Amino acid sequence: MSEYVGIIDESQGTWGVRIPDLPGCYGAGDSAEAALRDAASAAREWIVYQETAGVARPKARTAGDILASGEIDVGGGEAAVLIPVLIDEGRTVRANLTFDAGLLGAIDAAANERGLTRSAFLASAAREKISARR
């Protein structure tokens, strides 16, 4: 997993996040949390698209580097945030996990309601949790 520095701000009730190391990559939402989730999803899609086109993934700069560059207007209400980016490697690995029987039943029911396998449901839940950890 990589982390890119995003620049978050709010204007008229809408939150926005831009990721300077990924030109043209933005996220937005009605809350800061929603904008961060959207930015993480956008960053993932941006990187996958670029790599599919044969373009190498940009190196993520540190928050200190971006602050020193003057790209963040702190006086204007902007702040630096870390955007976690999890890129699938394209291969699956078997894992043996242990759950309480009641929890496993709830996982299976929720997966079934969404038309997903247990594995797909757990992978999706893990991606959401990792992206929202900040």
Protein backbone atom coordinates (compact mmCIF):
# COMPACT_ATOMS: atom_id res chain seq x y z
CA MET A 1 0.00 0.00 0.00
CA SER A 2 1.19 3.49 -0.85
CA GLU A 3 0.17 6.77 0.72
CA TYR A 4 -0.04 10.02 -1.23
CA VAL A 5 -0.44 13.45 0.29
CA GLY A 6 -3.74 15.08 -0.52
CA ILE A 7 -4.74 18.70 -0.02
CA ILE A 8 -8.21 19.07 1.45
CA ASP A 9 -10.40 22.15 1.65
CA GLU A 10 -14.05 23.07 2.03
CA SER A 11 -16.10 25.54 0.01
CA GLN A 12 -19.81 26.20 0.41
CA GLY A 13 -20.48 22.87 2.13
CA THR A 14 -18.55 20.72 -0.34
CA TRP A 15 -15.21 19.18 0.54
CA GLY A 16 -12.53 18.62 -2.06
CA VAL A 17 -9.23 16.78 -2.09
CA ARG A 18 -6.57 17.15 -4.75
CA ILE A 19 -3.51 14.92 -4.96
CA PRO A 20 -0.61 16.94 -6.36
CA ASP A 21 1.56 13.90 -7.16
CA LEU A 22 -1.25 12.51 -9.35
CA PRO A 23 -2.04 15.37 -11.77
CA GLY A 24 -5.76 15.81 -12.35
CA CYS A 25 -6.72 13.40 -9.55
CA TYR A 26 -9.42 14.76 -7.26
CA GLY A 27 -11.99 13.58 -4.74
CA ALA A 28 -15.07 15.35 -3.39
CA GLY A 29 -17.92 14.84 -0.95
CA ASP A 30 -20.46 16.40 1.38
CA SER A 31 -18.15 15.70 4.33
CA ALA A 32 -14.40 15.54 4.81
CA GLU A 33 -14.64 11.78 5.32
CA ALA A 34 -16.60 11.28 2.09
CA ALA A 35 -14.09 13.41 0.17
CA LEU A 36 -11.19 11.36 1.56
CA ARG A 37 -12.88 8.09 0.57
CA ASP A 38 -13.57 9.47 -2.90
CA ALA A 39 -9.96 10.67 -3.23
CA ALA A 40 -8.64 7.21 -2.26
CA SER A 41 -10.87 5.60 -4.89
CA ALA A 42 -9.88 8.18 -7.51
CA ALA A 43 -6.17 7.71 -6.76
CA ARG A 44 -6.49 3.95 -7.15
CA GLU A 45 -8.28 4.33 -10.48
CA TRP A 46 -5.79 6.99 -11.66
CA ILE A 47 -2.79 4.77 -10.92
CA VAL A 48 -4.34 1.65 -12.47
CA TYR A 49 -5.23 3.60 -15.63
CA GLN A 50 -1.73 5.05 -15.93
CA GLU A 51 -0.04 1.70 -15.31
CA THR A 52 -2.30 0.04 -17.90
CA ALA A 53 -1.08 2.68 -20.37
CA GLY A 54 2.53 1.82 -19.50
CA VAL A 55 3.18 4.87 -17.34
CA ALA A 56 5.10 4.24 -14.12
CA ARG A 57 3.48 5.09 -10.80
CA PRO A 58 4.62 8.53 -9.56
CA LYS A 59 6.75 8.55 -6.43
CA ALA A 60 4.80 9.91 -3.49
CA ARG A 61 6.35 12.99 -1.90
CA THR A 62 6.30 13.48 1.85
CA ALA A 63 3.93 15.89 3.54
CA GLY A 64 6.99 17.96 4.49
CA ASP A 65 8.05 18.22 0.85
CA ILE A 66 4.61 19.36 -0.24
CA LEU A 67 4.33 21.86 2.63
CA ALA A 68 7.78 23.24 1.77
CA SER A 69 6.80 23.58 -1.91
CA GLY A 70 4.08 26.10 -1.03
CA GLU A 71 1.37 24.03 -2.74
CA ILE A 72 -0.86 24.20 0.35
CA ASP A 73 -2.66 27.45 1.19
CA VAL A 74 -2.86 26.96 4.96
CA GLY A 75 -4.13 30.52 5.44
CA GLY A 76 -6.92 29.77 2.97
CA GLY A 77 -8.08 26.76 4.97
CA GLU A 78 -6.26 23.99 3.13
CA ALA A 79 -4.65 21.10 5.01
CA ALA A 80 -2.48 18.10 4.16
CA VAL A 81 -4.01 14.63 4.52
CA LEU A 82 -2.68 11.16 3.75
CA ILE A 83 -4.53 9.20 1.10
CA PRO A 84 -4.02 5.41 1.33
CA VAL A 85 -3.85 3.71 -2.06
CA LEU A 86 -4.22 -0.06 -2.23
CA ILE A 87 -3.55 -1.54 -5.68
CA ASP A 88 -4.47 -5.16 -6.39
CA GLU A 89 -1.55 -7.26 -7.62
CA GLY A 90 -3.71 -9.38 -9.92
CA ARG A 91 -3.13 -12.63 -8.11
CA THR A 92 -5.12 -14.28 -5.35
CA VAL A 93 -3.71 -15.95 -2.26
CA ARG A 94 -5.56 -18.46 -0.09
CA ALA A 95 -5.83 -17.49 3.58
CA ASN A 96 -7.19 -19.48 6.51
CA LEU A 97 -9.16 -17.12 8.78
CA THR A 98 -11.04 -17.81 12.01
CA PHE A 99 -14.32 -16.07 12.94
CA ASP A 100 -17.00 -16.47 15.57
CA ALA A 101 -19.80 -18.59 14.08
CA GLY A 102 -22.35 -15.80 14.53
CA LEU A 103 -20.13 -13.25 12.79
CA LEU A 104 -19.41 -15.65 9.93
CA GLY A 105 -23.16 -16.21 9.50
CA ALA A 106 -23.73 -12.45 9.36
CA ILE A 107 -20.88 -12.07 6.82
CA ASP A 108 -22.36 -14.80 4.63
CA ALA A 109 -25.85 -13.28 4.82
CA ALA A 110 -24.56 -9.80 3.94
CA ALA A 111 -22.48 -11.19 1.06
CA ASN A 112 -25.46 -13.15 -0.24
CA GLU A 113 -27.71 -10.05 -0.12
CA ARG A 114 -25.19 -8.24 -2.32
CA GLY A 115 -24.65 -11.15 -4.70
CA LEU A 116 -21.02 -11.56 -3.60
CA THR A 117 -18.92 -14.46 -2.47
CA ARG A 118 -17.63 -14.46 1.08
CA SER A 119 -14.13 -13.67 -0.19
CA ALA A 120 -15.30 -10.78 -2.39
CA PHE A 121 -17.34 -9.34 0.48
CA LEU A 122 -14.44 -9.53 2.95
CA ALA A 123 -11.98 -8.05 0.43
CA SER A 124 -14.38 -5.16 -0.24
CA ALA A 125 -14.90 -4.55 3.49
CA ALA A 126 -11.14 -4.60 4.08
CA ARG A 127 -10.53 -2.07 1.26
CA GLU A 128 -13.19 0.26 2.72
CA LYS A 129 -11.73 -0.02 6.21
CA ILE A 130 -8.16 0.58 5.00
CA SER A 131 -9.24 3.62 2.93
CA ALA A 132 -11.17 5.12 5.85
CA ARG A 133 -8.48 4.63 8.48
CA ARG A 134 -7.37 8.24 8.46
